[in-house]
Structure formats: C-alpha cells, structure tokens
Amino acid sequence: MAQPTTSTPLAQEQSKHLQKSLGRFDILLLVVAAVISIEVLGQVSGFGGETFTWTLILAVTFMVPYGLIFAETGGAFTEEGGVYVWTKMAFGRVVAAITSLFTWVTQPVWVGGAMAFVAVETWSEYVGHVEAGSVGDYIFKLLFIWITVSSAIVSLKHGKWLPSLGAILKVVFLTFFILVTLAYGVQHGFNGLDLGFFAPTLAGFLGVTPLLLFSFLGFESGNSAAGEMKNPAKDVPISVARSSMIAAASYLLPILAILLVVPLDQITGIGGLFGAISTVYTVFGPAADAMLAVSAVV
C-alpha cells in the first residue's frame, strides 16, 4: 500500500536532489552516535550502586519500548523529515512544528553549552592547557560548535563520516576501558560491592532518571534523513534494534566498571570517568600517561 504524500511541491522538488547513500551500517552508526553519551557516565555514577540498578530498569522499561516504537514507525513511514512528517500526517503542520521545536530545542544548549565546555575542559586537562576565558578558549569552543553544525547541514554522503567515526570511537573506547578495568581488577582487586549497595532509592531515582532519559534519546533521529537512506523500510528497524543493544551495554558495563574501581566520594562528573580511566590505566606502567591522553582525545 502506497504511503500518502504529505510534502509540498517545493519539498518534493528538493527531495530529488537527495543522494541515497546511507546503508544499514551507516544508520546503525548514526543512531549509536546519537544515543550513547559518554560524558554522562561519570556524573550518574556518583549516585553509587543504584545507578546501575536504575540504568538496568530504565533500559528495560524505557529504552527497549522506545526503540521498538521508532523501529516500527521509522520502517513504516519513510519520508524525509522523521518526527516532523509523522506528526504532520497525524495532527497537522502546527502540531508538527511544535513537536520539532521540542525535539531539537535542547541541541543548541547541549552542543554550545555542556559539550563545548566538556570538550575544552578535557582537552585542557589531558592534552594542552587552555586558559578559561582566554581567546584560545573562545576559539576552541567556536570551532567545536561550527564543526558540529557543519557536519549536520552538509549532505550525509560526506557528513556521515564525522558522527560515524564518533560512534566507532565511542564503542572502541568503552570496550577498551572495560577490558583494562578487568585487568586492573585481577591485579589489584575490586571495590567490595554487595546487593545492598545496588538497592534503589527515591533520591537516586530523582537524581539519575532525568540524566539517563535525556541520554537515551535519539532513536528517532535517523529518520530525519530517511530520504538519503537506500532502503529505510528494511534497514531502520534492524539498525534500531541492534543499536539499542549496543547502547544498553555501553551504559551498563562502563557504569559497573567505574563503580568497581573508583571510590564513591571521588566520582564527580567528567572527572569520575577520567578518574576511573587514570586508575585502571596504571596497568600500563610508564605508558599510562600517554594512554590517558589518547583516551581524552577520543
């Protein structure tokens, strides 16, 4: 059954210029890049063992159903535009415009605020010092923002490589970190964790849930570029299913690894993640500082 045409004549004309260059693996990487937020791992781990418990609960009760919804929707309605098009088909242009606003309004704040500051702080701490408020600080942040913006507005035939590379590096980094943590634990032992340590509390729920829910968002983002996918009806559902499993593991396993090696009172924001990294990388001996610098750049 053919899908109803909801786009204007101008939109249909412009869509002819879209190049269908996204295969199944490309879609998988785009979704992984959107859903996995490494920077939040240290922050949520500061709530202790219940972070792992709430992450597991939310992965089962929120991430999986959420991913299934957009796997079905993305495979059934494959027009360029994703959430905007789906909402317009159901409720009209006004509601679709408001939905798009709420969907994307956090991105400028996230990229220009949190991520830009995390990037410059990480670079300054582990690669080369950048004085806060200096000309170099502003140049670094502006370059970070505009590289991100440029990768989002160019054709995905070329622009897909930046988020795809980011997704690959995220997964490689987290996998390497987990393996090194296991090696460190074998040599030095792990923190003593009992079942009571993982007991969930209301305070932990209120502190962890907003961060995790925001981090889990992104499964619907791929269909914004459905017009550039080779076969969205078949590739989107499979890619979303696979990316949801990768995302769940990429949150649960590193959080557990951080809890195993870093004392709770030392887990604070981005410092919690790099505190864990600097601790476990001592297994490399004199090369530990170099390994830490490479991980910071990644």
Protein backbone atom coordinates (compact mmCIF):
# COMPACT_ATOMS: atom_id res chain seq x y z
CA MET A 1 0.00 0.00 0.00
CA ALA A 2 1.49 3.34 -1.06
CA GLN A 3 2.11 5.91 1.64
CA PRO A 4 0.21 9.20 1.39
CA THR A 5 2.18 12.12 0.05
CA THR A 6 2.34 14.85 2.68
CA SER A 7 5.08 17.11 1.34
CA THR A 8 4.61 20.30 -0.65
CA PRO A 9 5.57 20.56 -4.34
CA LEU A 10 8.71 22.50 -3.33
CA ALA A 11 9.69 19.81 -0.83
CA GLN A 12 9.13 17.11 -3.43
CA GLU A 13 11.32 19.02 -5.87
CA GLN A 14 14.12 19.45 -3.33
CA SER A 15 13.94 15.80 -2.30
CA LYS A 16 15.00 14.82 -5.82
CA HIS A 17 18.47 16.20 -5.01
CA LEU A 18 18.94 13.87 -2.04
CA GLN A 19 21.53 11.15 -2.61
CA LYS A 20 20.66 7.74 -1.23
CA SER A 21 23.99 6.92 0.39
CA LEU A 22 23.05 5.53 3.81
CA GLY A 23 23.16 1.78 4.18
CA ARG A 24 22.23 -0.33 7.19
CA PHE A 25 25.62 0.05 8.87
CA ASP A 26 25.58 3.83 8.35
CA ILE A 27 22.16 4.09 10.02
CA LEU A 28 23.37 1.94 12.91
CA LEU A 29 26.34 4.25 13.50
CA LEU A 30 24.22 7.41 13.27
CA VAL A 31 21.84 6.09 15.92
CA VAL A 32 24.70 4.91 18.16
CA ALA A 33 26.31 8.35 17.90
CA ALA A 34 23.03 9.98 18.96
CA VAL A 35 22.15 7.63 21.82
CA ILE A 36 25.46 6.94 23.59
CA SER A 37 26.62 9.88 25.75
CA ILE A 38 29.99 9.07 27.30
CA GLU A 39 30.12 12.35 29.21
CA VAL A 40 27.17 11.38 31.42
CA LEU A 41 28.71 8.14 32.71
CA GLY A 42 30.82 9.70 35.44
CA GLN A 43 28.06 12.04 36.56
CA VAL A 44 25.38 9.39 37.02
CA SER A 45 27.85 7.00 38.65
CA GLY A 46 28.18 9.50 41.50
CA PHE A 47 24.89 8.17 42.87
CA GLY A 48 26.55 4.87 43.69
CA GLY A 49 25.45 1.32 43.01
CA GLU A 50 21.82 2.24 42.46
CA THR A 51 22.95 3.98 39.26
CA PHE A 52 23.47 0.54 37.75
CA THR A 53 20.09 -0.62 39.07
CA TRP A 54 18.18 2.36 37.67
CA THR A 55 20.04 2.13 34.37
CA LEU A 56 19.03 -1.51 34.04
CA ILE A 57 15.41 -0.74 34.95
CA LEU A 58 15.19 2.19 32.53
CA ALA A 59 16.87 0.19 29.75
CA VAL A 60 14.15 -2.47 30.05
CA THR A 61 11.14 -0.23 30.73
CA PHE A 62 12.05 2.80 28.60
CA MET A 63 14.89 2.26 26.13
CA VAL A 64 13.62 -1.01 24.63
CA PRO A 65 9.96 0.08 24.19
CA TYR A 66 11.09 3.49 22.94
CA GLY A 67 13.40 1.88 20.41
CA LEU A 68 10.69 -0.55 19.26
CA ILE A 69 8.24 2.33 18.71
CA PHE A 70 10.60 4.16 16.39
CA ALA A 71 11.80 0.98 14.71
CA GLU A 72 8.19 0.35 13.70
CA THR A 73 7.40 3.98 12.87
CA GLY A 74 10.66 4.55 11.00
CA GLY A 75 10.19 1.42 8.93
CA ALA A 76 6.54 2.16 8.09
CA PHE A 77 6.77 5.89 7.30
CA THR A 78 9.95 6.59 5.39
CA GLU A 79 9.59 10.18 4.20
CA GLU A 80 12.45 12.62 4.76
CA GLY A 81 11.84 14.56 7.95
CA GLY A 82 11.17 11.87 10.53
CA VAL A 83 9.27 13.11 13.58
CA TYR A 84 8.02 16.26 11.84
CA VAL A 85 6.48 14.28 8.97
CA TRP A 86 4.95 11.64 11.24
CA THR A 87 3.33 14.27 13.46
CA LYS A 88 2.11 16.30 10.50
CA MET A 89 0.42 13.26 8.99
CA ALA A 90 -1.44 12.68 12.26
CA PHE A 91 -2.16 16.16 13.63
CA GLY A 92 -1.22 18.78 11.03
CA ARG A 93 1.59 21.29 10.48
CA VAL A 94 1.15 23.40 13.63
CA VAL A 95 1.47 20.44 15.99
CA ALA A 96 4.32 19.07 13.88
CA ALA A 97 6.19 22.37 14.14
CA ILE A 98 5.79 22.42 17.93
CA THR A 99 6.90 18.80 18.15
CA SER A 100 10.02 19.55 16.11
CA LEU A 101 10.78 22.52 18.35
CA PHE A 102 10.62 20.40 21.49
CA THR A 103 12.61 17.62 19.79
CA TRP A 104 15.55 19.79 18.75
CA VAL A 105 15.48 22.76 21.16
CA THR A 106 17.96 21.12 23.52
CA GLN A 107 20.60 20.63 20.83
CA PRO A 108 21.96 24.22 20.72
CA VAL A 109 22.16 24.30 24.53
CA TRP A 110 23.76 20.84 24.67
CA VAL A 111 26.33 21.42 21.91
CA GLY A 112 27.06 25.08 22.61
CA GLY A 113 26.90 24.65 26.36
CA ALA A 114 27.59 21.33 28.03
CA MET A 115 29.52 19.60 25.25
CA ALA A 116 31.66 22.61 24.31
CA PHE A 117 32.70 23.10 27.95
CA VAL A 118 33.34 19.38 28.49
CA ALA A 119 35.46 19.28 25.32
CA VAL A 120 37.64 22.25 26.26
CA GLU A 121 37.99 21.08 29.86
CA THR A 122 39.04 17.61 28.76
CA TRP A 123 41.49 18.97 26.20
CA SER A 124 42.91 21.43 28.73
CA GLU A 125 43.30 18.79 31.43
CA TYR A 126 44.82 15.96 29.40
CA VAL A 127 46.25 17.36 26.16
CA GLY A 128 47.22 21.05 26.23
CA HIS A 129 46.20 23.73 28.72
CA VAL A 130 43.64 26.30 27.55
CA GLU A 131 43.08 29.24 29.91
CA ALA A 132 39.40 29.69 30.78
CA GLY A 133 38.02 32.92 29.31
CA SER A 134 41.05 33.42 27.04
CA VAL A 135 40.99 34.00 23.29
CA GLY A 136 42.11 30.40 22.79
CA ASP A 137 39.20 29.21 24.95
CA TYR A 138 36.64 31.02 22.79
CA ILE A 139 38.30 29.93 19.54
CA PHE A 140 38.29 26.28 20.69
CA LYS A 141 34.59 26.41 21.61
CA LEU A 142 33.60 28.19 18.39
CA LEU A 143 35.49 25.65 16.29
CA PHE A 144 33.86 22.81 18.22
CA ILE A 145 30.37 24.25 17.67
CA TRP A 146 30.81 25.01 13.97
CA ILE A 147 32.40 21.66 13.16
CA THR A 148 29.35 20.06 14.76
CA VAL A 149 26.95 22.34 12.87
CA SER A 150 28.75 21.78 9.56
CA SER A 151 28.57 18.01 9.90
CA ALA A 152 24.79 18.33 10.43
CA ILE A 153 23.99 20.51 7.41
CA VAL A 154 26.14 19.03 4.66
CA SER A 155 24.95 16.10 2.58
CA LEU A 156 25.17 12.89 4.58
CA LYS A 157 27.08 11.33 1.70
CA HIS A 158 30.02 13.33 3.07
CA GLY A 159 28.86 14.48 6.52
CA LYS A 160 28.06 10.98 7.80
CA TRP A 161 31.73 10.23 8.36
CA LEU A 162 32.10 12.50 11.41
CA PRO A 163 29.24 11.03 13.51
CA SER A 164 30.08 7.54 12.21
CA LEU A 165 33.69 7.93 13.32
CA GLY A 166 32.48 9.27 16.65
CA ALA A 167 30.23 6.24 17.15
CA ILE A 168 33.05 3.82 16.33
CA LEU A 169 35.47 5.61 18.68
CA LYS A 170 32.88 5.62 21.49
CA VAL A 171 32.34 1.87 21.26
CA VAL A 172 36.07 1.12 20.88
CA PHE A 173 36.96 3.37 23.81
CA LEU A 174 34.31 1.85 26.12
CA THR A 175 35.25 -1.70 25.14
CA PHE A 176 38.93 -0.99 25.78
CA PHE A 177 38.12 0.69 29.10
CA ILE A 178 36.11 -2.33 30.28
CA LEU A 179 38.88 -4.77 29.31
CA VAL A 180 41.52 -2.68 31.08
CA THR A 181 39.26 -2.46 34.15
CA LEU A 182 39.06 -6.23 34.27
CA ALA A 183 42.86 -6.45 34.03
CA TYR A 184 43.21 -3.88 36.83
CA GLY A 185 40.74 -5.78 38.99
CA VAL A 186 42.63 -9.02 38.53
CA GLN A 187 45.84 -7.31 39.67
CA HIS A 188 44.55 -5.09 42.49
CA GLY A 189 41.08 -6.33 43.37
CA PHE A 190 37.70 -4.63 43.03
CA ASN A 191 35.66 -2.49 45.40
CA GLY A 192 33.62 -4.62 47.76
CA LEU A 193 30.09 -4.43 46.38
CA ASP A 194 27.15 -6.27 47.96
CA LEU A 195 23.49 -6.45 46.99
CA GLY A 196 22.64 -3.67 49.42
CA PHE A 197 24.96 -1.35 47.51
CA PHE A 198 22.67 -1.65 44.47
CA ALA A 199 19.41 -1.02 46.37
CA PRO A 200 17.36 1.68 44.58
CA THR A 201 16.12 4.77 46.44
CA LEU A 202 13.73 7.60 45.60
CA ALA A 203 16.57 10.14 45.85
CA GLY A 204 18.63 8.13 43.39
CA PHE A 205 15.66 7.82 41.05
CA LEU A 206 15.10 11.58 41.06
CA GLY A 207 18.79 12.27 40.52
CA VAL A 208 19.65 9.63 37.93
CA THR A 209 16.48 9.31 35.85
CA PRO A 210 16.46 12.77 34.17
CA LEU A 211 20.09 12.36 33.06
CA LEU A 212 19.60 8.84 31.76
CA LEU A 213 16.32 9.57 29.98
CA PHE A 214 17.92 12.50 28.17
CA SER A 215 20.92 10.34 27.27
CA PHE A 216 18.74 7.52 25.92
CA LEU A 217 17.02 9.80 23.39
CA GLY A 218 17.96 9.62 19.72
CA PHE A 219 16.47 6.50 18.14
CA GLU A 220 14.13 8.65 16.04
CA SER A 221 16.90 10.94 14.76
CA GLY A 222 17.96 8.66 11.91
CA ASN A 223 14.69 9.05 10.04
CA SER A 224 15.23 12.78 9.73
CA ALA A 225 17.47 11.73 6.84
CA ALA A 226 15.22 8.94 5.54
CA GLY A 227 15.37 10.44 2.04
CA GLU A 228 19.10 9.67 1.97
CA MET A 229 18.69 6.02 3.04
CA LYS A 230 18.93 3.24 0.48
CA ASN A 231 16.15 1.13 1.99
CA PRO A 232 14.72 2.70 5.19
CA ALA A 233 11.74 0.34 5.40
CA LYS A 234 14.05 -2.64 5.97
CA ASP A 235 17.20 -1.03 7.36
CA VAL A 236 15.75 1.26 10.06
CA PRO A 237 14.09 -1.44 12.21
CA ILE A 238 17.15 -3.70 12.14
CA SER A 239 19.54 -0.80 12.82
CA VAL A 240 17.46 0.49 15.74
CA ALA A 241 17.24 -2.99 17.28
CA ARG A 242 20.99 -3.50 17.07
CA SER A 243 21.83 -0.01 18.26
CA SER A 244 19.55 -0.40 21.32
CA MET A 245 21.52 -3.47 22.41
CA ILE A 246 24.82 -1.66 21.85
CA ALA A 247 23.55 1.38 23.76
CA ALA A 248 22.33 -0.65 26.74
CA ALA A 249 25.69 -2.41 27.04
CA SER A 250 27.55 0.90 26.56
CA TYR A 251 25.83 2.35 29.62
CA LEU A 252 25.53 -0.64 31.94
CA LEU A 253 29.03 -2.11 31.61
CA PRO A 254 31.09 1.13 31.94
CA ILE A 255 28.96 2.30 34.90
CA LEU A 256 29.62 -1.01 36.63
CA ALA A 257 33.32 -0.72 35.78
CA ILE A 258 33.51 2.79 37.30
CA LEU A 259 31.79 1.61 40.47
CA LEU A 260 34.21 -1.29 40.75
CA VAL A 261 37.40 0.80 40.72
CA VAL A 262 36.65 4.37 41.83
CA PRO A 263 35.69 5.31 45.44
CA LEU A 264 32.21 6.84 45.52
CA ASP A 265 33.38 10.17 47.01
CA GLN A 266 35.75 10.62 44.04
CA ILE A 267 33.13 10.21 41.31
CA THR A 268 32.18 13.70 40.09
CA GLY A 269 31.03 14.47 36.53
CA ILE A 270 33.59 14.06 33.76
CA GLY A 271 36.22 13.66 36.49
CA GLY A 272 34.55 10.44 37.61
CA LEU A 273 35.05 8.83 34.22
CA PHE A 274 38.63 10.02 33.82
CA GLY A 275 39.34 9.22 37.46
CA ALA A 276 38.43 5.63 36.68
CA ILE A 277 40.49 5.70 33.49
CA SER A 278 43.58 7.13 35.20
CA THR A 279 43.24 4.49 37.92
CA VAL A 280 42.94 1.43 35.70
CA TYR A 281 45.49 2.65 33.13
CA THR A 282 48.22 2.21 35.74
CA VAL A 283 48.37 -1.38 34.47
CA PHE A 284 50.35 0.08 31.53
CA GLY A 285 53.09 1.39 33.82
CA PRO A 286 55.16 4.27 32.35
CA ALA A 287 52.94 4.40 29.25
CA ALA A 288 49.83 5.18 31.34
CA ASP A 289 50.01 8.97 30.80
CA ALA A 290 50.22 8.57 27.03
CA MET A 291 47.28 6.16 27.02
CA LEU A 292 45.26 8.60 29.13
CA ALA A 293 45.96 11.44 26.70
CA VAL A 294 44.85 9.30 23.75
CA SER A 295 41.63 8.38 25.55
CA ALA A 296 40.96 12.05 26.35
CA VAL A 297 41.24 12.97 22.66
CA VAL A 298 38.89 10.10 21.70
